């Protein structure tokens, strides 16, 4: 699926909304890491390197959502397909 750079901003916002529905916090931090899903005390946290490009941010967020489990909530079919595709690219 070909996605324009500008579309990634909207996709990231939609993915953040899904993360929120799943009870996860999304944090953009600086550092020498790519990011992913983790548990911090009993909180679900998805940490993403703020210096990564938009496509990489979307890929990391997709992989984290897939790890969290998005099967039990409604997601637009096109966005669900995108999550599957991007998570596999990570």
N, C-alpha and C. Protein backbone atom coordinates (compact mmCIF):
# COMPACT_ATOMS: atom_id res chain seq x y z
N UNK A 1 0.85 -1.18 0.00
CA UNK A 1 0.00 0.00 0.00
C UNK A 1 0.89 1.24 0.00
N UNK A 2 0.68 2.11 -0.95
CA UNK A 2 1.48 3.33 -1.08
C UNK A 2 0.82 4.45 -0.28
N UNK A 3 1.58 5.03 0.62
CA UNK A 3 1.05 6.10 1.48
C UNK A 3 1.94 7.32 1.34
N UNK A 4 1.31 8.47 1.17
CA UNK A 4 2.05 9.72 1.08
C UNK A 4 2.49 10.16 2.47
N UNK A 5 3.60 10.89 2.52
CA UNK A 5 4.17 11.34 3.80
C UNK A 5 3.15 12.11 4.64
N UNK A 6 2.37 12.97 3.98
CA UNK A 6 1.38 13.78 4.71
C UNK A 6 0.31 12.93 5.37
N UNK A 7 -0.03 11.81 4.75
CA UNK A 7 -1.08 10.94 5.27
C UNK A 7 -0.64 10.25 6.57
N UNK A 8 0.68 10.11 6.76
CA UNK A 8 1.17 9.44 7.96
C UNK A 8 0.78 10.19 9.24
N UNK A 9 0.72 11.53 9.18
CA UNK A 9 0.32 12.30 10.37
C UNK A 9 -1.09 11.91 10.81
N UNK A 10 -2.01 11.81 9.86
CA UNK A 10 -3.39 11.43 10.17
C UNK A 10 -3.44 9.99 10.68
N UNK A 11 -2.68 9.11 10.04
CA UNK A 11 -2.64 7.70 10.45
C UNK A 11 -2.14 7.58 11.88
N UNK A 12 -1.09 8.33 12.21
CA UNK A 12 -0.52 8.29 13.56
C UNK A 12 -1.56 8.74 14.57
N UNK A 13 -2.33 9.77 14.25
CA UNK A 13 -3.38 10.24 15.17
C UNK A 13 -4.44 9.16 15.38
N UNK A 14 -4.82 8.47 14.31
CA UNK A 14 -5.81 7.40 14.42
C UNK A 14 -5.26 6.24 15.25
N UNK A 15 -3.99 5.91 15.05
CA UNK A 15 -3.36 4.83 15.82
C UNK A 15 -3.25 5.21 17.29
N UNK A 16 -2.96 6.47 17.58
CA UNK A 16 -2.90 6.94 18.97
C UNK A 16 -4.27 6.82 19.63
N UNK A 17 -5.32 7.09 18.87
CA UNK A 17 -6.68 6.97 19.39
C UNK A 17 -7.00 5.52 19.74
N UNK A 18 -6.56 4.59 18.89
CA UNK A 18 -6.77 3.17 19.17
C UNK A 18 -6.00 2.77 20.42
N UNK A 19 -4.77 3.26 20.54
CA UNK A 19 -3.96 2.95 21.73
C UNK A 19 -4.68 3.43 22.99
N UNK A 20 -5.28 4.59 22.91
CA UNK A 20 -6.01 5.13 24.04
C UNK A 20 -7.20 4.24 24.40
N UNK A 21 -7.91 3.74 23.39
CA UNK A 21 -9.04 2.83 23.62
C UNK A 21 -8.59 1.56 24.33
N UNK A 22 -7.35 1.15 24.05
CA UNK A 22 -6.80 -0.06 24.66
C UNK A 22 -6.15 0.22 26.01
N UNK A 23 -6.21 1.48 26.46
CA UNK A 23 -5.67 1.82 27.77
C UNK A 23 -4.17 2.05 27.78
N UNK A 24 -3.60 2.31 26.62
CA UNK A 24 -2.15 2.53 26.53
C UNK A 24 -1.85 4.02 26.33
N UNK A 25 -0.75 4.45 26.90
CA UNK A 25 -0.26 5.81 26.72
C UNK A 25 0.82 5.80 25.66
N UNK A 26 0.78 6.75 24.74
CA UNK A 26 1.81 6.87 23.72
C UNK A 26 2.72 8.03 24.08
N UNK A 27 4.03 7.73 24.16
CA UNK A 27 5.00 8.77 24.52
C UNK A 27 6.05 8.87 23.42
N UNK A 28 6.38 10.10 23.05
CA UNK A 28 7.44 10.36 22.08
C UNK A 28 8.62 10.93 22.86
N UNK A 29 9.73 10.20 22.87
CA UNK A 29 10.89 10.57 23.67
C UNK A 29 12.14 10.59 22.79
N UNK A 30 13.16 11.33 23.25
CA UNK A 30 14.45 11.35 22.57
C UNK A 30 15.33 10.27 23.17
N UNK A 31 16.19 9.68 22.34
CA UNK A 31 17.10 8.68 22.85
C UNK A 31 17.63 7.79 21.74
N UNK A 32 18.43 6.83 22.13
CA UNK A 32 19.04 5.90 21.19
C UNK A 32 18.25 4.58 21.18
N UNK A 33 17.04 4.62 20.68
CA UNK A 33 16.15 3.46 20.64
C UNK A 33 15.14 3.69 19.53
N UNK A 34 14.48 2.63 19.09
CA UNK A 34 13.44 2.82 18.08
C UNK A 34 12.07 2.90 18.74
N UNK A 35 11.82 2.06 19.75
CA UNK A 35 10.58 2.14 20.50
C UNK A 35 9.79 0.86 20.46
N UNK A 36 8.64 0.89 21.12
CA UNK A 36 7.77 -0.26 21.18
C UNK A 36 6.88 -0.23 22.41
N UNK A 37 6.22 -1.35 22.65
CA UNK A 37 5.27 -1.48 23.76
C UNK A 37 5.96 -2.03 24.99
N UNK A 38 5.62 -1.49 26.16
CA UNK A 38 6.15 -2.03 27.41
C UNK A 38 5.16 -1.76 28.54
N UNK A 39 5.37 -2.45 29.65
CA UNK A 39 4.60 -2.21 30.86
C UNK A 39 5.49 -1.46 31.83
N UNK A 40 5.01 -0.35 32.35
CA UNK A 40 5.75 0.45 33.31
C UNK A 40 4.90 0.49 34.58
N UNK A 41 5.33 -0.27 35.58
CA UNK A 41 4.50 -0.54 36.75
C UNK A 41 3.24 -1.19 36.22
N UNK A 42 2.07 -0.78 36.38
CA UNK A 42 0.93 -1.47 35.78
C UNK A 42 0.36 -0.71 34.59
N UNK A 43 1.11 0.26 34.07
CA UNK A 43 0.64 1.08 32.97
C UNK A 43 1.16 0.56 31.63
N UNK A 44 0.27 0.52 30.63
CA UNK A 44 0.66 0.15 29.28
C UNK A 44 1.22 1.40 28.60
N UNK A 45 2.45 1.30 28.11
CA UNK A 45 3.10 2.45 27.51
C UNK A 45 3.69 2.05 26.15
N UNK A 46 3.48 2.90 25.16
CA UNK A 46 4.12 2.73 23.86
C UNK A 46 5.08 3.91 23.73
N UNK A 47 6.36 3.60 23.65
CA UNK A 47 7.38 4.65 23.56
C UNK A 47 7.92 4.66 22.13
N UNK A 48 7.98 5.85 21.55
CA UNK A 48 8.44 6.02 20.18
C UNK A 48 9.51 7.11 20.16
N UNK A 49 10.58 6.86 19.42
CA UNK A 49 11.64 7.86 19.29
C UNK A 49 11.10 9.05 18.51
N UNK A 50 11.14 10.22 19.13
CA UNK A 50 10.57 11.40 18.49
C UNK A 50 11.38 11.85 17.28
N UNK A 51 12.62 11.36 17.13
CA UNK A 51 13.45 11.72 15.99
C UNK A 51 13.23 10.81 14.78
N UNK A 52 12.44 9.77 14.94
CA UNK A 52 12.15 8.86 13.82
C UNK A 52 11.26 9.57 12.80
N UNK A 53 11.34 9.13 11.54
CA UNK A 53 10.46 9.73 10.54
C UNK A 53 9.03 9.23 10.75
N UNK A 54 8.08 9.88 10.09
CA UNK A 54 6.67 9.57 10.31
C UNK A 54 6.33 8.12 9.97
N UNK A 55 6.92 7.59 8.90
CA UNK A 55 6.63 6.21 8.52
C UNK A 55 7.12 5.25 9.60
N UNK A 56 8.31 5.47 10.14
CA UNK A 56 8.85 4.60 11.18
C UNK A 56 7.99 4.69 12.45
N UNK A 57 7.54 5.90 12.80
CA UNK A 57 6.67 6.07 13.96
C UNK A 57 5.38 5.26 13.79
N UNK A 58 4.79 5.33 12.60
CA UNK A 58 3.56 4.59 12.32
C UNK A 58 3.81 3.08 12.39
N UNK A 59 4.96 2.64 11.90
CA UNK A 59 5.28 1.21 11.93
C UNK A 59 5.44 0.71 13.37
N UNK A 60 6.14 1.47 14.19
CA UNK A 60 6.34 1.09 15.59
C UNK A 60 5.01 1.07 16.33
N UNK A 61 4.21 2.08 16.10
CA UNK A 61 2.89 2.16 16.75
C UNK A 61 2.00 1.00 16.30
N UNK A 62 2.03 0.66 15.03
CA UNK A 62 1.24 -0.47 14.51
C UNK A 62 1.67 -1.78 15.15
N UNK A 63 2.98 -2.00 15.24
CA UNK A 63 3.48 -3.24 15.84
C UNK A 63 3.09 -3.32 17.31
N UNK A 64 3.15 -2.19 18.02
CA UNK A 64 2.78 -2.17 19.43
C UNK A 64 1.29 -2.46 19.60
N UNK A 65 0.47 -1.89 18.74
CA UNK A 65 -0.98 -2.14 18.82
C UNK A 65 -1.29 -3.60 18.53
N UNK A 66 -0.60 -4.16 17.57
CA UNK A 66 -0.81 -5.58 17.26
C UNK A 66 -0.42 -6.44 18.47
N UNK A 67 0.65 -6.06 19.15
CA UNK A 67 1.09 -6.78 20.35
C UNK A 67 0.06 -6.64 21.48
N UNK A 68 -0.52 -5.44 21.60
CA UNK A 68 -1.54 -5.19 22.62
C UNK A 68 -2.81 -6.01 22.34
N UNK A 69 -3.10 -6.23 21.07
CA UNK A 69 -4.28 -7.00 20.69
C UNK A 69 -5.42 -6.10 20.26
N UNK A 70 -5.61 -5.99 18.97
CA UNK A 70 -6.67 -5.14 18.43
C UNK A 70 -7.84 -5.95 17.87
N UNK A 71 -7.84 -7.25 18.11
CA UNK A 71 -8.87 -8.11 17.55
C UNK A 71 -10.25 -7.89 18.16
N UNK A 72 -10.29 -7.45 19.40
CA UNK A 72 -11.56 -7.34 20.12
C UNK A 72 -12.23 -5.97 20.01
N UNK A 73 -11.64 -5.04 19.28
CA UNK A 73 -12.26 -3.72 19.14
C UNK A 73 -12.51 -3.43 17.66
N UNK A 74 -13.49 -2.55 17.41
CA UNK A 74 -13.77 -2.19 16.02
C UNK A 74 -12.73 -1.19 15.53
N UNK A 75 -12.16 -1.52 14.38
CA UNK A 75 -11.24 -0.62 13.70
C UNK A 75 -11.66 -0.61 12.24
N UNK A 76 -11.66 0.55 11.63
CA UNK A 76 -11.94 0.68 10.22
C UNK A 76 -11.13 -0.39 9.47
N UNK A 77 -11.77 -1.17 8.60
CA UNK A 77 -11.07 -2.27 7.91
C UNK A 77 -9.80 -1.83 7.18
N UNK A 78 -9.84 -0.65 6.57
CA UNK A 78 -8.65 -0.15 5.87
C UNK A 78 -7.51 0.11 6.85
N UNK A 79 -7.84 0.66 8.01
CA UNK A 79 -6.82 0.93 9.03
C UNK A 79 -6.32 -0.38 9.64
N UNK A 80 -7.20 -1.35 9.82
CA UNK A 80 -6.80 -2.66 10.35
C UNK A 80 -5.80 -3.32 9.38
N UNK A 81 -6.08 -3.23 8.09
CA UNK A 81 -5.17 -3.79 7.08
C UNK A 81 -3.82 -3.08 7.14
N UNK A 82 -3.86 -1.78 7.32
CA UNK A 82 -2.63 -0.98 7.42
C UNK A 82 -1.81 -1.39 8.65
N UNK A 83 -2.49 -1.62 9.77
CA UNK A 83 -1.80 -2.05 10.99
C UNK A 83 -1.09 -3.38 10.75
N UNK A 84 -1.80 -4.32 10.13
CA UNK A 84 -1.21 -5.63 9.84
C UNK A 84 0.01 -5.49 8.94
N UNK A 85 -0.15 -4.71 7.88
CA UNK A 85 0.95 -4.55 6.91
C UNK A 85 2.16 -3.84 7.52
N UNK A 86 1.91 -2.77 8.24
CA UNK A 86 3.02 -1.99 8.82
C UNK A 86 3.70 -2.74 9.96
N UNK A 87 2.94 -3.46 10.75
CA UNK A 87 3.52 -4.21 11.86
C UNK A 87 4.46 -5.30 11.33
N UNK A 88 4.12 -5.88 10.20
CA UNK A 88 4.97 -6.91 9.60
C UNK A 88 6.26 -6.34 9.01
N UNK A 89 6.27 -5.05 8.69
CA UNK A 89 7.46 -4.40 8.11
C UNK A 89 8.48 -4.02 9.17
N UNK A 90 8.04 -3.87 10.41
CA UNK A 90 8.92 -3.36 11.47
C UNK A 90 10.15 -4.18 11.64
